[in-house]
Amino acid sequence: MLSITKEFRFSASHQLDHLRSGHPCGRLHGHNYVVVLELSAAPEDLSLPGFVRDYGDLSAFQKWVDETLDHRHLNDVLDGVNPSAENIAMWLHERWVKEFPELTAVRVSETPKTWATYRPSPALGDASL
Protein backbone atom coordinates (compact mmCIF):
# COMPACT_ATOMS: atom_id res chain seq x y z
CA MET A 1 0.00 0.00 0.00
CA LEU A 2 1.23 3.48 -0.90
CA SER A 3 0.02 6.65 0.80
CA ILE A 4 0.28 10.37 0.19
CA THR A 5 -0.62 13.18 2.56
CA LYS A 6 -1.30 16.86 2.18
CA GLU A 7 -1.70 19.48 4.88
CA PHE A 8 -4.31 22.24 4.99
CA ARG A 9 -4.80 25.08 7.50
CA PHE A 10 -7.65 27.24 8.72
CA SER A 11 -8.59 29.32 11.75
CA ALA A 12 -11.94 28.92 13.48
CA SER A 13 -13.75 29.10 16.80
CA HIS A 14 -15.75 26.47 18.65
CA GLN A 15 -17.25 25.68 22.02
CA LEU A 16 -17.57 22.09 23.24
CA ASP A 17 -20.64 20.73 24.99
CA HIS A 18 -21.00 17.94 27.57
CA LEU A 19 -17.87 18.83 29.55
CA ARG A 20 -17.48 19.06 33.32
CA SER A 21 -18.26 22.44 34.82
CA GLY A 22 -15.40 24.90 34.39
CA HIS A 23 -13.60 22.96 31.64
CA PRO A 24 -11.76 25.54 29.50
CA CYS A 25 -12.98 23.98 26.22
CA GLY A 26 -16.55 24.70 27.28
CA ARG A 27 -15.85 28.40 26.77
CA LEU A 28 -15.87 30.00 23.34
CA HIS A 29 -12.33 29.81 21.97
CA GLY A 30 -10.44 29.37 18.72
CA HIS A 31 -7.63 27.41 17.12
CA ASN A 32 -5.35 27.52 14.14
CA TYR A 33 -6.34 24.11 12.81
CA VAL A 34 -4.20 21.83 10.70
CA VAL A 35 -5.89 19.09 8.67
CA VAL A 36 -3.97 16.32 6.95
CA LEU A 37 -5.63 14.16 4.33
CA GLU A 38 -4.13 10.72 3.71
CA LEU A 39 -4.92 8.96 0.44
CA SER A 40 -3.80 5.39 -0.27
CA ALA A 41 -3.69 2.90 -3.13
CA ALA A 42 -2.16 -0.46 -3.88
CA PRO A 43 0.79 -0.34 -6.32
CA GLU A 44 -1.32 -1.87 -9.08
CA ASP A 45 -3.95 0.89 -8.63
CA LEU A 46 -1.63 3.85 -9.19
CA SER A 47 -2.51 6.19 -12.05
CA LEU A 48 -0.42 6.03 -15.21
CA PRO A 49 2.06 8.67 -13.96
CA GLY A 50 2.47 6.57 -10.79
CA PHE A 51 0.29 8.68 -8.47
CA VAL A 52 -2.06 7.61 -5.69
CA ARG A 53 -3.79 10.88 -6.61
CA ASP A 54 -2.48 14.05 -8.26
CA TYR A 55 -1.85 16.58 -5.47
CA GLY A 56 -3.41 19.22 -7.71
CA ASP A 57 -6.76 17.43 -7.39
CA LEU A 58 -6.75 18.33 -3.70
CA SER A 59 -7.09 22.04 -4.49
CA ALA A 60 -10.88 21.50 -4.41
CA PHE A 61 -10.57 20.59 -0.73
CA GLN A 62 -8.50 23.71 0.01
CA LYS A 63 -11.05 25.91 -1.74
CA TRP A 64 -13.87 24.29 0.27
CA VAL A 65 -11.92 24.73 3.54
CA ASP A 66 -11.36 28.41 2.76
CA GLU A 67 -15.03 28.98 1.94
CA THR A 68 -16.65 26.74 4.57
CA LEU A 69 -14.39 26.53 7.63
CA ASP A 70 -11.90 29.40 7.70
CA HIS A 71 -12.82 32.14 10.17
CA ARG A 72 -16.12 30.44 11.03
CA HIS A 73 -17.73 29.20 14.23
CA LEU A 74 -17.56 25.42 13.86
CA ASN A 75 -20.62 24.81 16.06
CA ASP A 76 -22.65 26.50 13.33
CA VAL A 77 -20.88 24.75 10.44
CA LEU A 78 -21.04 21.19 11.81
CA ASP A 79 -24.78 21.55 12.47
CA GLY A 80 -25.47 19.55 15.61
CA VAL A 81 -22.10 17.78 15.85
CA ASN A 82 -20.00 18.65 18.91
CA PRO A 83 -16.88 20.06 17.13
CA SER A 84 -14.13 18.14 18.93
CA ALA A 85 -11.03 17.38 16.86
CA GLU A 86 -12.16 13.74 16.70
CA ASN A 87 -15.62 14.65 15.41
CA ILE A 88 -14.19 17.15 12.92
CA ALA A 89 -11.87 14.47 11.49
CA MET A 90 -14.75 12.02 11.08
CA TRP A 91 -17.06 14.71 9.65
CA LEU A 92 -14.45 15.74 7.07
CA HIS A 93 -13.87 12.14 6.01
CA GLU A 94 -17.61 11.52 5.56
CA ARG A 95 -17.94 14.64 3.39
CA TRP A 96 -14.92 14.02 1.17
CA VAL A 97 -14.58 10.25 0.69
CA LYS A 98 -16.98 10.33 -2.27
CA GLU A 99 -14.85 12.97 -4.02
CA PHE A 100 -11.62 11.18 -3.03
CA PRO A 101 -12.33 7.42 -2.76
CA GLU A 102 -8.64 6.89 -1.95
CA LEU A 103 -9.12 8.86 1.32
CA THR A 104 -7.99 6.53 4.10
CA ALA A 105 -7.50 8.92 7.02
CA VAL A 106 -8.08 12.48 8.18
CA ARG A 107 -5.94 14.04 10.93
CA VAL A 108 -6.96 17.22 12.75
CA SER A 109 -4.75 19.28 15.04
CA GLU A 110 -5.89 22.09 17.29
CA THR A 111 -2.47 22.72 18.82
CA PRO A 112 1.08 21.91 17.72
CA LYS A 113 1.22 18.96 20.13
CA THR A 114 -2.23 17.39 19.72
CA TRP A 115 -3.77 15.34 16.90
CA ALA A 116 -6.95 13.34 16.35
CA THR A 117 -7.05 10.81 13.51
CA TYR A 118 -10.09 9.24 11.91
CA ARG A 119 -9.38 6.09 9.94
CA PRO A 120 -12.56 4.17 9.06
CA SER A 121 -12.68 0.49 9.92
CA PRO A 122 -12.33 -1.86 6.96
CA ALA A 123 -15.58 -3.27 5.66
CA LEU A 124 -16.48 -6.57 7.30
CA GLY A 125 -15.06 -9.46 5.36
CA ASP A 126 -12.65 -7.27 3.35
CA ALA A 127 -9.36 -9.09 3.79
CA SER A 128 -7.54 -6.81 1.34
CA LEU A 129 -7.30 -4.00 3.90
C-alpha atoms as a PDB file:
ATOM      1  CA  MET A   1       0.000   0.000   0.000  1.00  0.00           C
ATOM      2  CA  LEU A   2       1.227   3.478  -0.895  1.00  0.00           C
ATOM      3  CA  SER A   3       0.023   6.650   0.797  1.00  0.00           C
ATOM      4  CA  ILE A   4       0.279  10.367   0.185  1.00  0.00           C
ATOM      5  CA  THR A   5      -0.619  13.177   2.563  1.00  0.00           C
ATOM      6  CA  LYS A   6      -1.301  16.863   2.183  1.00  0.00           C
ATOM      7  CA  GLU A   7      -1.700  19.481   4.883  1.00  0.00           C
ATOM      8  CA  PHE A   8      -4.310  22.244   4.994  1.00  0.00           C
ATOM      9  CA  ARG A   9      -4.797  25.077   7.504  1.00  0.00           C
ATOM     10  CA  PHE A  10      -7.649  27.236   8.724  1.00  0.00           C
ATOM     11  CA  SER A  11      -8.593  29.317  11.754  1.00  0.00           C
ATOM     12  CA  ALA A  12     -11.940  28.915  13.480  1.00  0.00           C
ATOM     13  CA  SER A  13     -13.747  29.096  16.800  1.00  0.00           C
ATOM     14  CA  HIS A  14     -15.751  26.471  18.651  1.00  0.00           C
ATOM     15  CA  GLN A  15     -17.252  25.683  22.024  1.00  0.00           C
ATOM     16  CA  LEU A  16     -17.565  22.091  23.242  1.00  0.00           C
ATOM     17  CA  ASP A  17     -20.640  20.726  24.988  1.00  0.00           C
ATOM     18  CA  HIS A  18     -20.996  17.942  27.565  1.00  0.00           C
ATOM     19  CA  LEU A  19     -17.868  18.834  29.554  1.00  0.00           C
ATOM     20  CA  ARG A  20     -17.476  19.061  33.317  1.00  0.00           C
ATOM     21  CA  SER A  21     -18.256  22.443  34.819  1.00  0.00           C
ATOM     22  CA  GLY A  22     -15.399  24.905  34.393  1.00  0.00           C
ATOM     23  CA  HIS A  23     -13.603  22.957  31.641  1.00  0.00           C
ATOM     24  CA  PRO A  24     -11.761  25.542  29.495  1.00  0.00           C
ATOM     25  CA  CYS A  25     -12.980  23.984  26.223  1.00  0.00           C
ATOM     26  CA  GLY A  26     -16.552  24.702  27.281  1.00  0.00           C
ATOM     27  CA  ARG A  27     -15.847  28.401  26.771  1.00  0.00           C
ATOM     28  CA  LEU A  28     -15.873  29.997  23.344  1.00  0.00           C
ATOM     29  CA  HIS A  29     -12.332  29.814  21.967  1.00  0.00           C
ATOM     30  CA  GLY A  30     -10.439  29.366  18.724  1.00  0.00           C
ATOM     31  CA  HIS A  31      -7.633  27.408  17.121  1.00  0.00           C
ATOM     32  CA  ASN A  32      -5.352  27.516  14.138  1.00  0.00           C
ATOM     33  CA  TYR A  33      -6.341  24.112  12.814  1.00  0.00           C
ATOM     34  CA  VAL A  34      -4.196  21.826  10.702  1.00  0.00           C
ATOM     35  CA  VAL A  35      -5.895  19.093   8.672  1.00  0.00           C
ATOM     36  CA  VAL A  36      -3.970  16.316   6.954  1.00  0.00           C
ATOM     37  CA  LEU A  37      -5.627  14.157   4.328  1.00  0.00           C
ATOM     38  CA  GLU A  38      -4.132  10.720   3.714  1.00  0.00           C
ATOM     39  CA  LEU A  39      -4.922   8.956   0.439  1.00  0.00           C
ATOM     40  CA  SER A  40      -3.800   5.394  -0.274  1.00  0.00           C
ATOM     41  CA  ALA A  41      -3.685   2.903  -3.129  1.00  0.00           C
ATOM     42  CA  ALA A  42      -2.163  -0.458  -3.885  1.00  0.00           C
ATOM     43  CA  PRO A  43       0.791  -0.340  -6.316  1.00  0.00           C
ATOM     44  CA  GLU A  44      -1.323  -1.867  -9.079  1.00  0.00           C
ATOM     45  CA  ASP A  45      -3.945   0.886  -8.629  1.00  0.00           C
ATOM     46  CA  LEU A  46      -1.626   3.852  -9.191  1.00  0.00           C
ATOM     47  CA  SER A  47      -2.510   6.188 -12.050  1.00  0.00           C
ATOM     48  CA  LEU A  48      -0.418   6.027 -15.212  1.00  0.00           C
ATOM     49  CA  PRO A  49       2.059   8.673 -13.962  1.00  0.00           C
ATOM     50  CA  GLY A  50       2.474   6.569 -10.788  1.00  0.00           C
ATOM     51  CA  PHE A  51       0.286   8.677  -8.471  1.00  0.00           C
ATOM     52  CA  VAL A  52      -2.057   7.613  -5.688  1.00  0.00           C
ATOM     53  CA  ARG A  53      -3.787  10.877  -6.612  1.00  0.00           C
ATOM     54  CA  ASP A  54      -2.480  14.048  -8.257  1.00  0.00           C
ATOM     55  CA  TYR A  55      -1.851  16.577  -5.465  1.00  0.00           C
ATOM     56  CA  GLY A  56      -3.411  19.217  -7.714  1.00  0.00           C
ATOM     57  CA  ASP A  57      -6.758  17.433  -7.391  1.00  0.00           C
ATOM     58  CA  LEU A  58      -6.754  18.327  -3.700  1.00  0.00           C
ATOM     59  CA  SER A  59      -7.089  22.038  -4.485  1.00  0.00           C
ATOM     60  CA  ALA A  60     -10.878  21.504  -4.411  1.00  0.00           C
ATOM     61  CA  PHE A  61     -10.572  20.594  -0.733  1.00  0.00           C
ATOM     62  CA  GLN A  62      -8.497  23.712   0.005  1.00  0.00           C
ATOM     63  CA  LYS A  63     -11.053  25.910  -1.737  1.00  0.00           C
ATOM     64  CA  TRP A  64     -13.868  24.292   0.266  1.00  0.00           C
ATOM     65  CA  VAL A  65     -11.923  24.733   3.544  1.00  0.00           C
ATOM     66  CA  ASP A  66     -11.361  28.408   2.762  1.00  0.00           C
ATOM     67  CA  GLU A  67     -15.033  28.976   1.943  1.00  0.00           C
ATOM     68  CA  THR A  68     -16.648  26.740   4.572  1.00  0.00           C
ATOM     69  CA  LEU A  69     -14.387  26.528   7.632  1.00  0.00           C
ATOM     70  CA  ASP A  70     -11.901  29.397   7.703  1.00  0.00           C
ATOM     71  CA  HIS A  71     -12.822  32.138  10.173  1.00  0.00           C
ATOM     72  CA  ARG A  72     -16.125  30.437  11.028  1.00  0.00           C
ATOM     73  CA  HIS A  73     -17.728  29.201  14.232  1.00  0.00           C
ATOM     74  CA  LEU A  74     -17.562  25.419  13.858  1.00  0.00           C
ATOM     75  CA  ASN A  75     -20.617  24.808  16.061  1.00  0.00           C
ATOM     76  CA  ASP A  76     -22.655  26.499  13.325  1.00  0.00           C
ATOM     77  CA  VAL A  77     -20.882  24.752  10.445  1.00  0.00           C
ATOM     78  CA  LEU A  78     -21.039  21.194  11.808  1.00  0.00           C
ATOM     79  CA  ASP A  79     -24.778  21.553  12.472  1.00  0.00           C
ATOM     80  CA  GLY A  80     -25.470  19.553  15.610  1.00  0.00           C
ATOM     81  CA  VAL A  81     -22.096  17.775  15.850  1.00  0.00           C
ATOM     82  CA  ASN A  82     -19.999  18.655  18.906  1.00  0.00           C
ATOM     83  CA  PRO A  83     -16.880  20.058  17.132  1.00  0.00           C
ATOM     84  CA  SER A  84     -14.133  18.144  18.929  1.00  0.00           C
ATOM     85  CA  ALA A  85     -11.032  17.380  16.859  1.00  0.00           C
ATOM     86  CA  GLU A  86     -12.164  13.744  16.703  1.00  0.00           C
ATOM     87  CA  ASN A  87     -15.617  14.646  15.407  1.00  0.00           C
ATOM     88  CA  ILE A  88     -14.188  17.149  12.918  1.00  0.00           C
ATOM     89  CA  ALA A  89     -11.870  14.468  11.490  1.00  0.00           C
ATOM     90  CA  MET A  90     -14.750  12.020  11.084  1.00  0.00           C
ATOM     91  CA  TRP A  91     -17.061  14.712   9.655  1.00  0.00           C
ATOM     92  CA  LEU A  92     -14.448  15.738   7.067  1.00  0.00           C
ATOM     93  CA  HIS A  93     -13.871  12.139   6.009  1.00  0.00           C
ATOM     94  CA  GLU A  94     -17.609  11.525   5.564  1.00  0.00           C
ATOM     95  CA  ARG A  95     -17.935  14.642   3.389  1.00  0.00           C
ATOM     96  CA  TRP A  96     -14.917  14.020   1.171  1.00  0.00           C
ATOM     97  CA  VAL A  97     -14.575  10.253   0.694  1.00  0.00           C
ATOM     98  CA  LYS A  98     -16.978  10.331  -2.274  1.00  0.00           C
ATOM     99  CA  GLU A  99     -14.846  12.972  -4.015  1.00  0.00           C
ATOM    100  CA  PHE A 100     -11.621  11.177  -3.033  1.00  0.00           C
ATOM    101  CA  PRO A 101     -12.329   7.424  -2.764  1.00  0.00           C
ATOM    102  CA  GLU A 102      -8.636   6.887  -1.947  1.00  0.00           C
ATOM    103  CA  LEU A 103      -9.120   8.865   1.317  1.00  0.00           C
ATOM    104  CA  THR A 104      -7.990   6.533   4.101  1.00  0.00           C
ATOM    105  CA  ALA A 105      -7.504   8.921   7.021  1.00  0.00           C
ATOM    106  CA  VAL A 106      -8.076  12.484   8.177  1.00  0.00           C
ATOM    107  CA  ARG A 107      -5.944  14.038  10.926  1.00  0.00           C
ATOM    108  CA  VAL A 108      -6.960  17.217  12.754  1.00  0.00           C
ATOM    109  CA  SER A 109      -4.746  19.282  15.037  1.00  0.00           C
ATOM    110  CA  GLU A 110      -5.894  22.092  17.288  1.00  0.00           C
ATOM    111  CA  THR A 111      -2.467  22.719  18.818  1.00  0.00           C
ATOM    112  CA  PRO A 112       1.085  21.911  17.717  1.00  0.00           C
ATOM    113  CA  LYS A 113       1.217  18.963  20.132  1.00  0.00           C
ATOM    114  CA  THR A 114      -2.232  17.387  19.721  1.00  0.00           C
ATOM    115  CA  TRP A 115      -3.769  15.342  16.903  1.00  0.00           C
ATOM    116  CA  ALA A 116      -6.953  13.344  16.355  1.00  0.00           C
ATOM    117  CA  THR A 117      -7.050  10.815  13.511  1.00  0.00           C
ATOM    118  CA  TYR A 118     -10.094   9.241  11.909  1.00  0.00           C
ATOM    119  CA  ARG A 119      -9.379   6.087   9.944  1.00  0.00           C
ATOM    120  CA  PRO A 120     -12.556   4.166   9.063  1.00  0.00           C
ATOM    121  CA  SER A 121     -12.685   0.491   9.921  1.00  0.00           C
ATOM    122  CA  PRO A 122     -12.327  -1.858   6.960  1.00  0.00           C
ATOM    123  CA  ALA A 123     -15.583  -3.270   5.655  1.00  0.00           C
ATOM    124  CA  LEU A 124     -16.480  -6.569   7.296  1.00  0.00           C
ATOM    125  CA  GLY A 125     -15.060  -9.456   5.361  1.00  0.00           C
ATOM    126  CA  ASP A 126     -12.647  -7.265   3.352  1.00  0.00           C
ATOM    127  CA  ALA A 127      -9.364  -9.094   3.793  1.00  0.00           C
ATOM    128  CA  SER A 128      -7.544  -6.809   1.339  1.00  0.00           C
ATOM    129  CA  LEU A 129      -7.296  -3.998   3.902  1.00  0.00           C
END
